[in-house]
C-alpha atoms as a PDB file:
ATOM      1  CA  MET A   1      -7.494   8.676   0.072  1.00  0.00           C
ATOM      2  CA  ILE A   2      -3.992   7.410  -0.608  1.00  0.00           C
ATOM      3  CA  THR A   3      -3.680   5.682  -3.995  1.00  0.00           C
ATOM      4  CA  VAL A   4      -0.965   3.172  -4.841  1.00  0.00           C
ATOM      5  CA  PHE A   5      -0.350   2.179  -8.465  1.00  0.00           C
ATOM      6  CA  GLY A   6       0.918  -1.399  -8.756  1.00  0.00           C
ATOM      7  CA  GLY A   7       0.168  -4.999  -7.895  1.00  0.00           C
ATOM      8  CA  SER A   8       0.884  -7.905  -5.583  1.00  0.00           C
ATOM      9  CA  THR A   9       4.211  -8.956  -7.122  1.00  0.00           C
ATOM     10  CA  SER A  10       5.690  -5.518  -7.758  1.00  0.00           C
ATOM     11  CA  ARG A  11       7.542  -3.173  -5.421  1.00  0.00           C
ATOM     12  CA  SER A  12       4.206  -1.501  -4.722  1.00  0.00           C
ATOM     13  CA  PHE A  13       3.609  -4.391  -2.331  1.00  0.00           C
ATOM     14  CA  ARG A  14       6.181  -2.834   0.003  1.00  0.00           C
ATOM     15  CA  VAL A  15       4.081   0.320   0.126  1.00  0.00           C
ATOM     16  CA  VAL A  16       0.778  -1.482   0.701  1.00  0.00           C
ATOM     17  CA  TRP A  17       2.369  -3.643   3.412  1.00  0.00           C
ATOM     18  CA  LEU A  18       3.690  -0.536   5.169  1.00  0.00           C
ATOM     19  CA  LEU A  19       0.291   1.129   4.962  1.00  0.00           C
ATOM     20  CA  GLU A  20      -1.334  -1.925   6.521  1.00  0.00           C
ATOM     21  CA  GLU A  21       1.257  -1.977   9.310  1.00  0.00           C
ATOM     22  CA  MET A  22       0.515   1.704   9.993  1.00  0.00           C
ATOM     23  CA  GLY A  23      -3.261   1.265   9.817  1.00  0.00           C
ATOM     24  CA  LEU A  24      -3.619   3.675   6.887  1.00  0.00           C
ATOM     25  CA  ALA A  25      -6.291   3.086   4.257  1.00  0.00           C
ATOM     26  CA  CYS A  26      -5.408   3.076   0.582  1.00  0.00           C
ATOM     27  CA  ARG A  27      -6.835   2.382  -2.829  1.00  0.00           C
ATOM     28  CA  ILE A  28      -4.798   0.151  -5.105  1.00  0.00           C
ATOM     29  CA  ARG A  29      -4.833   1.163  -8.739  1.00  0.00           C
ATOM     30  CA  PRO A  30      -3.854  -2.081 -10.530  1.00  0.00           C
ATOM     31  CA  VAL A  31      -1.377  -1.905 -13.381  1.00  0.00           C
ATOM     32  CA  ASN A  32      -0.531  -4.724 -15.786  1.00  0.00           C
ATOM     33  CA  MET A  33       3.018  -3.943 -16.865  1.00  0.00           C
ATOM     34  CA  LEU A  34       2.937  -6.793 -19.401  1.00  0.00           C
ATOM     35  CA  ALA A  35      -0.112  -5.511 -21.249  1.00  0.00           C
ATOM     36  CA  ASP A  36       0.216  -4.902 -24.983  1.00  0.00           C
ATOM     37  CA  GLU A  37      -0.704  -1.228 -24.620  1.00  0.00           C
ATOM     38  CA  PRO A  38       0.811   1.169 -22.049  1.00  0.00           C
ATOM     39  CA  ASP A  39      -1.439   2.128 -19.148  1.00  0.00           C
ATOM     40  CA  ALA A  40      -2.428   5.725 -19.913  1.00  0.00           C
ATOM     41  CA  GLY A  41      -3.190   6.499 -16.278  1.00  0.00           C
ATOM     42  CA  LEU A  42       0.258   5.366 -15.142  1.00  0.00           C
ATOM     43  CA  MET A  43       1.947   7.208 -17.990  1.00  0.00           C
ATOM     44  CA  ALA A  44       0.202  10.407 -16.909  1.00  0.00           C
ATOM     45  CA  VAL A  45       1.541  10.278 -13.337  1.00  0.00           C
ATOM     46  CA  ASN A  46       4.934   8.705 -14.080  1.00  0.00           C
ATOM     47  CA  PRO A  47       6.191   9.268 -17.629  1.00  0.00           C
ATOM     48  CA  ALA A  48       9.186   7.045 -16.820  1.00  0.00           C
ATOM     49  CA  TYR A  49       6.557   4.267 -16.705  1.00  0.00           C
ATOM     50  CA  TYR A  50       7.357   2.132 -13.710  1.00  0.00           C
ATOM     51  CA  ILE A  51       5.707   1.289 -10.412  1.00  0.00           C
ATOM     52  CA  PRO A  52       5.034   1.941  -7.627  1.00  0.00           C
ATOM     53  CA  VAL A  53       3.493   5.377  -7.770  1.00  0.00           C
ATOM     54  CA  LEU A  54       1.930   6.985  -4.711  1.00  0.00           C
ATOM     55  CA  GLN A  55      -0.706   9.694  -4.873  1.00  0.00           C
ATOM     56  CA  ASP A  56      -1.537  11.369  -1.569  1.00  0.00           C
ATOM     57  CA  GLY A  57      -3.546  14.519  -2.115  1.00  0.00           C
ATOM     58  CA  ASP A  58      -1.386  16.789  -4.237  1.00  0.00           C
ATOM     59  CA  VAL A  59       1.711  14.644  -3.598  1.00  0.00           C
ATOM     60  CA  THR A  60       2.864  12.207  -6.291  1.00  0.00           C
ATOM     61  CA  MET A  61       5.925  10.047  -5.643  1.00  0.00           C
ATOM     62  CA  VAL A  62       7.761   7.088  -7.168  1.00  0.00           C
ATOM     63  CA  GLU A  63      10.439   4.725  -5.760  1.00  0.00           C
ATOM     64  CA  SER A  64       9.253   2.318  -3.079  1.00  0.00           C
ATOM     65  CA  ILE A  65      11.798   3.204  -0.391  1.00  0.00           C
ATOM     66  CA  ALA A  66      11.310   6.941  -0.853  1.00  0.00           C
ATOM     67  CA  ILE A  67       7.548   6.441  -0.636  1.00  0.00           C
ATOM     68  CA  MET A  68       7.929   4.441   2.561  1.00  0.00           C
ATOM     69  CA  GLU A  69      10.100   7.134   4.121  1.00  0.00           C
ATOM     70  CA  TYR A  70       7.573   9.790   3.122  1.00  0.00           C
ATOM     71  CA  LEU A  71       4.629   7.914   4.622  1.00  0.00           C
ATOM     72  CA  MET A  72       6.414   7.257   7.921  1.00  0.00           C
ATOM     73  CA  ALA A  73       7.497  10.893   8.196  1.00  0.00           C
ATOM     74  CA  ARG A  74       4.108  12.274   7.122  1.00  0.00           C
ATOM     75  CA  TYR A  75       1.892   9.990   9.196  1.00  0.00           C
ATOM     76  CA  GLY A  76       4.273   8.955  11.980  1.00  0.00           C
ATOM     77  CA  PRO A  77       5.890   8.701  14.344  1.00  0.00           C
ATOM     78  CA  THR A  78       5.829   4.948  14.049  1.00  0.00           C
ATOM     79  CA  PRO A  79       7.928   2.157  15.570  1.00  0.00           C
ATOM     80  CA  LEU A  80       8.521   1.022  12.004  1.00  0.00           C
ATOM     81  CA  ALA A  81      11.093   3.846  11.770  1.00  0.00           C
ATOM     82  CA  PRO A  82      13.427   4.103  14.790  1.00  0.00           C
ATOM     83  CA  ALA A  83      14.397   7.620  15.812  1.00  0.00           C
ATOM     84  CA  ALA A  84      17.836   8.895  14.812  1.00  0.00           C
ATOM     85  CA  ASN A  85      19.031   8.654  18.427  1.00  0.00           C
ATOM     86  CA  ASP A  86      17.862   5.042  18.759  1.00  0.00           C
ATOM     87  CA  ARG A  87      20.650   2.453  18.850  1.00  0.00           C
ATOM     88  CA  ALA A  88      18.759   0.514  16.182  1.00  0.00           C
ATOM     89  CA  PHE A  89      18.752   3.454  13.737  1.00  0.00           C
ATOM     90  CA  PRO A  90      22.036   2.739  11.870  1.00  0.00           C
ATOM     91  CA  ASP A  91      21.064  -0.873  11.131  1.00  0.00           C
ATOM     92  CA  TYR A  92      17.548   0.218  10.247  1.00  0.00           C
ATOM     93  CA  GLN A  93      18.797   2.829   7.801  1.00  0.00           C
ATOM     94  CA  GLN A  94      21.326   0.489   6.216  1.00  0.00           C
ATOM     95  CA  PHE A  95      18.954  -2.407   5.608  1.00  0.00           C
ATOM     96  CA  LEU A  96      16.034  -0.209   4.567  1.00  0.00           C
ATOM     97  CA  HIS A  97      18.135   0.827   1.566  1.00  0.00           C
ATOM     98  CA  LEU A  98      20.056  -2.425   1.119  1.00  0.00           C
ATOM     99  CA  GLY A  99      16.788  -4.238   0.428  1.00  0.00           C
ATOM    100  CA  GLU A 100      16.393  -2.240  -2.770  1.00  0.00           C
ATOM    101  CA  ALA A 101      19.751  -0.783  -3.803  1.00  0.00           C
ATOM    102  CA  GLY A 102      21.824  -3.805  -2.802  1.00  0.00           C
ATOM    103  CA  LEU A 103      19.409  -6.662  -3.449  1.00  0.00           C
ATOM    104  CA  ALA A 104      16.223  -6.145  -5.487  1.00  0.00           C
ATOM    105  CA  THR A 105      17.760  -3.760  -8.036  1.00  0.00           C
ATOM    106  CA  LEU A 106      20.639  -6.137  -8.696  1.00  0.00           C
ATOM    107  CA  MET A 107      18.208  -9.022  -9.107  1.00  0.00           C
ATOM    108  CA  MET A 108      16.500  -7.343 -12.055  1.00  0.00           C
ATOM    109  CA  PRO A 109      19.203  -8.024 -14.698  1.00  0.00           C
ATOM    110  CA  VAL A 110      19.105 -11.682 -13.676  1.00  0.00           C
ATOM    111  CA  ILE A 111      15.312 -11.831 -13.796  1.00  0.00           C
ATOM    112  CA  VAL A 112      14.964  -9.949 -17.072  1.00  0.00           C
ATOM    113  CA  SER A 113      17.725 -11.979 -18.730  1.00  0.00           C
ATOM    114  CA  GLY A 114      16.225 -15.250 -17.567  1.00  0.00           C
ATOM    115  CA  PHE A 115      12.650 -14.545 -18.569  1.00  0.00           C
ATOM    116  CA  LEU A 116      12.711 -12.024 -21.409  1.00  0.00           C
ATOM    117  CA  ALA A 117      16.058 -12.204 -23.210  1.00  0.00           C
ATOM    118  CA  PRO A 118      16.532 -14.370 -26.309  1.00  0.00           C
ATOM    119  CA  GLU A 119      17.774 -17.830 -25.351  1.00  0.00           C
ATOM    120  CA  PRO A 120      21.439 -17.292 -26.384  1.00  0.00           C
ATOM    121  CA  GLU A 121      21.627 -14.098 -24.285  1.00  0.00           C
ATOM    122  CA  ARG A 122      20.118 -15.331 -21.044  1.00  0.00           C
ATOM    123  CA  ASN A 123      23.272 -16.484 -19.297  1.00  0.00           C
ATOM    124  CA  ASN A 124      25.120 -13.268 -20.030  1.00  0.00           C
ATOM    125  CA  TRP A 125      28.067 -11.702 -18.227  1.00  0.00           C
ATOM    126  CA  ALA A 126      26.036  -8.853 -16.712  1.00  0.00           C
ATOM    127  CA  ALA A 127      23.432 -11.215 -15.265  1.00  0.00           C
ATOM    128  CA  ARG A 128      26.117 -13.441 -13.752  1.00  0.00           C
ATOM    129  CA  TRP A 129      27.895 -10.415 -12.292  1.00  0.00           C
ATOM    130  CA  ALA A 130      24.657  -9.082 -10.793  1.00  0.00           C
ATOM    131  CA  LEU A 131      23.898 -12.444  -9.183  1.00  0.00           C
ATOM    132  CA  GLU A 132      27.392 -12.538  -7.671  1.00  0.00           C
ATOM    133  CA  CYS A 133      26.778  -9.082  -6.225  1.00  0.00           C
ATOM    134  CA  VAL A 134      23.488 -10.222  -4.710  1.00  0.00           C
ATOM    135  CA  GLU A 135      25.205 -13.189  -3.092  1.00  0.00           C
ATOM    136  CA  ASN A 136      27.875 -10.894  -1.649  1.00  0.00           C
ATOM    137  CA  ARG A 137      25.305  -8.554  -0.160  1.00  0.00           C
ATOM    138  CA  MET A 138      23.358 -11.478   1.239  1.00  0.00           C
ATOM    139  CA  LYS A 139      26.317 -11.973   3.565  1.00  0.00           C
ATOM    140  CA  LEU A 140      25.236  -8.802   5.346  1.00  0.00           C
ATOM    141  CA  VAL A 141      21.707 -10.153   5.778  1.00  0.00           C
ATOM    142  CA  ARG A 142      23.001 -13.474   7.067  1.00  0.00           C
ATOM    143  CA  ARG A 143      25.352 -11.775   9.507  1.00  0.00           C
ATOM    144  CA  GLN A 144      22.526  -9.638  10.842  1.00  0.00           C
ATOM    145  CA  LEU A 145      20.216 -12.616  11.288  1.00  0.00           C
ATOM    146  CA  ALA A 146      22.949 -14.357  13.276  1.00  0.00           C
ATOM    147  CA  ARG A 147      22.783 -11.407  15.695  1.00  0.00           C
ATOM    148  CA  ALA A 148      19.082 -10.588  15.861  1.00  0.00           C
ATOM    149  CA  PRO A 149      15.670 -11.706  14.584  1.00  0.00           C
ATOM    150  CA  TYR A 150      15.147  -8.586  12.481  1.00  0.00           C
ATOM    151  CA  MET A 151      17.212  -6.247  10.358  1.00  0.00           C
ATOM    152  CA  ALA A 152      17.267  -3.477  12.985  1.00  0.00           C
ATOM    153  CA  GLY A 153      17.525  -5.752  15.999  1.00  0.00           C
ATOM    154  CA  ASP A 154      14.781  -7.215  18.164  1.00  0.00           C
ATOM    155  CA  SER A 155      11.861  -5.326  16.610  1.00  0.00           C
ATOM    156  CA  PHE A 156      10.211  -5.441  13.193  1.00  0.00           C
ATOM    157  CA  THR A 157      10.723  -2.242  11.180  1.00  0.00           C
ATOM    158  CA  ALA A 158      10.282  -0.943   7.657  1.00  0.00           C
ATOM    159  CA  ALA A 159      13.769  -2.293   6.930  1.00  0.00           C
ATOM    160  CA  ASP A 160      12.246  -5.765   7.148  1.00  0.00           C
ATOM    161  CA  ILE A 161       9.568  -4.845   4.627  1.00  0.00           C
ATOM    162  CA  SER A 162      12.360  -3.757   2.289  1.00  0.00           C
ATOM    163  CA  VAL A 163      14.584  -6.809   2.737  1.00  0.00           C
ATOM    164  CA  ALA A 164      11.827  -9.422   2.991  1.00  0.00           C
ATOM    165  CA  TYR A 165      10.363  -8.252  -0.316  1.00  0.00           C
ATOM    166  CA  ALA A 166      13.746  -8.718  -1.990  1.00  0.00           C
ATOM    167  CA  LEU A 167      14.216 -12.200  -0.538  1.00  0.00           C
ATOM    168  CA  GLU A 168      10.725 -13.220  -1.643  1.00  0.00           C
ATOM    169  CA  LEU A 169      11.430 -11.837  -5.109  1.00  0.00           C
ATOM    170  CA  SER A 170      14.509 -14.044  -5.364  1.00  0.00           C
ATOM    171  CA  GLN A 171      12.515 -17.118  -4.419  1.00  0.00           C
ATOM    172  CA  LYS A 172       9.476 -16.439  -6.614  1.00  0.00           C
ATOM    173  CA  THR A 173      11.646 -15.878  -9.674  1.00  0.00           C
ATOM    174  CA  GLY A 174      14.039 -18.756  -8.985  1.00  0.00           C
ATOM    175  CA  ILE A 175      17.159 -16.806  -9.922  1.00  0.00           C
ATOM    176  CA  GLY A 176      19.459 -19.010  -7.885  1.00  0.00           C
ATOM    177  CA  VAL A 177      19.699 -17.295  -4.495  1.00  0.00           C
ATOM    178  CA  GLU A 178      19.794 -20.040  -1.887  1.00  0.00           C
ATOM    179  CA  LEU A 179      18.225 -19.213   1.471  1.00  0.00           C
ATOM    180  CA  GLY A 180      19.481 -21.035   4.543  1.00  0.00           C
ATOM    181  CA  GLU A 181      17.458 -21.943   7.612  1.00  0.00           C
ATOM    182  CA  ALA A 182      17.920 -18.521   9.199  1.00  0.00           C
ATOM    183  CA  GLU A 183      16.716 -16.659   6.102  1.00  0.00           C
ATOM    184  CA  GLN A 184      13.777 -19.015   5.637  1.00  0.00           C
ATOM    185  CA  ALA A 185      12.773 -18.565   9.279  1.00  0.00           C
ATOM    186  CA  TYR A 186      13.084 -14.813   8.840  1.00  0.00           C
ATOM    187  CA  LEU A 187      10.727 -14.866   5.850  1.00  0.00           C
ATOM    188  CA  ALA A 188       8.270 -16.968   7.831  1.00  0.00           C
ATOM    189  CA  ARG A 189       8.334 -14.408  10.665  1.00  0.00           C
ATOM    190  CA  THR A 190       7.811 -11.427   8.406  1.00  0.00           C
ATOM    191  CA  SER A 191       5.236 -12.955   6.074  1.00  0.00           C
ATOM    192  CA  GLY A 192       3.363 -14.340   9.071  1.00  0.00           C
ATOM    193  CA  ARG A 193       2.382 -10.865  10.222  1.00  0.00           C
ATOM    194  CA  PRO A 194      -1.335 -10.023   9.924  1.00  0.00           C
ATOM    195  CA  ALA A 195      -0.546  -6.811   8.034  1.00  0.00           C
ATOM    196  CA  TYR A 196       1.388  -8.806   5.430  1.00  0.00           C
ATOM    197  CA  ARG A 197      -1.595 -11.061   4.835  1.00  0.00           C
ATOM    198  CA  ARG A 198      -3.989  -8.115   4.585  1.00  0.00           C
ATOM    199  CA  ALA A 199      -1.672  -6.376   2.125  1.00  0.00           C
ATOM    200  CA  LEU A 200      -1.351  -9.517   0.007  1.00  0.00           C
ATOM    201  CA  ASP A 201      -5.108 -10.141  -0.059  1.00  0.00           C
ATOM    202  CA  LYS A 202      -5.813  -6.522  -0.964  1.00  0.00           C
ATOM    203  CA  SER A 203      -3.156  -6.467  -3.702  1.00  0.00           C
ATOM    204  CA  GLU A 204      -4.240  -9.748  -5.243  1.00  0.00           C
ATOM    205  CA  ALA A 205      -7.893  -8.685  -5.215  1.00  0.00           C
ATOM    206  CA  ALA A 206      -6.972  -5.456  -6.993  1.00  0.00           C
ATOM    207  CA  MET A 207      -4.949  -7.279  -9.654  1.00  0.00           C
ATOM    208  CA  GLU A 208      -7.894  -9.516 -10.466  1.00  0.00           C
ATOM    209  CA  THR A 209      -9.593  -6.445 -11.892  1.00  0.00           C
ATOM    210  CA  ALA A 210      -6.582  -5.343 -13.964  1.00  0.00           C
END
């Protein structure tokens, strides 16, 4: 049984969503990252202490995009990952990684500053710079949505799981990323998928036991 450490609002949701899209069963091991005491089980499998963590037999992995690539390679082929000779592959590859490296990662200084930093330090230079970078990279998302309904073209792929998570993160945390009609319609398309709903229900149910 595949085990995913995490919860409904963390990057582990990308992994659970992918698993649901692929029809692969998993067990969610809930983790409360805001608990007073560190989670000993998480510390044992990832001493760097962050989520998600995937356990699949004797395989243990961290980093949501790397986990997604592993699962698609291990249990594919799947239309969620276009083949290297597919015309959609370059866009797929770019946006699969942009969703984390170019968007979600850069959102974290803004989120952490806004919610956890002392009041005088919240509107700091690094947070403002990171938000400017996010806005710049959003131009790539907007350009792509002007061309096609999904990040890799006409079909939903894992790149959409990556990017849609980042866009939802920006909206749930209210960091100041404005989504236009095209981006809002895109989120409605992606979050309207049955696998998304199953992943959300499963993740939220797991977190209730955390």
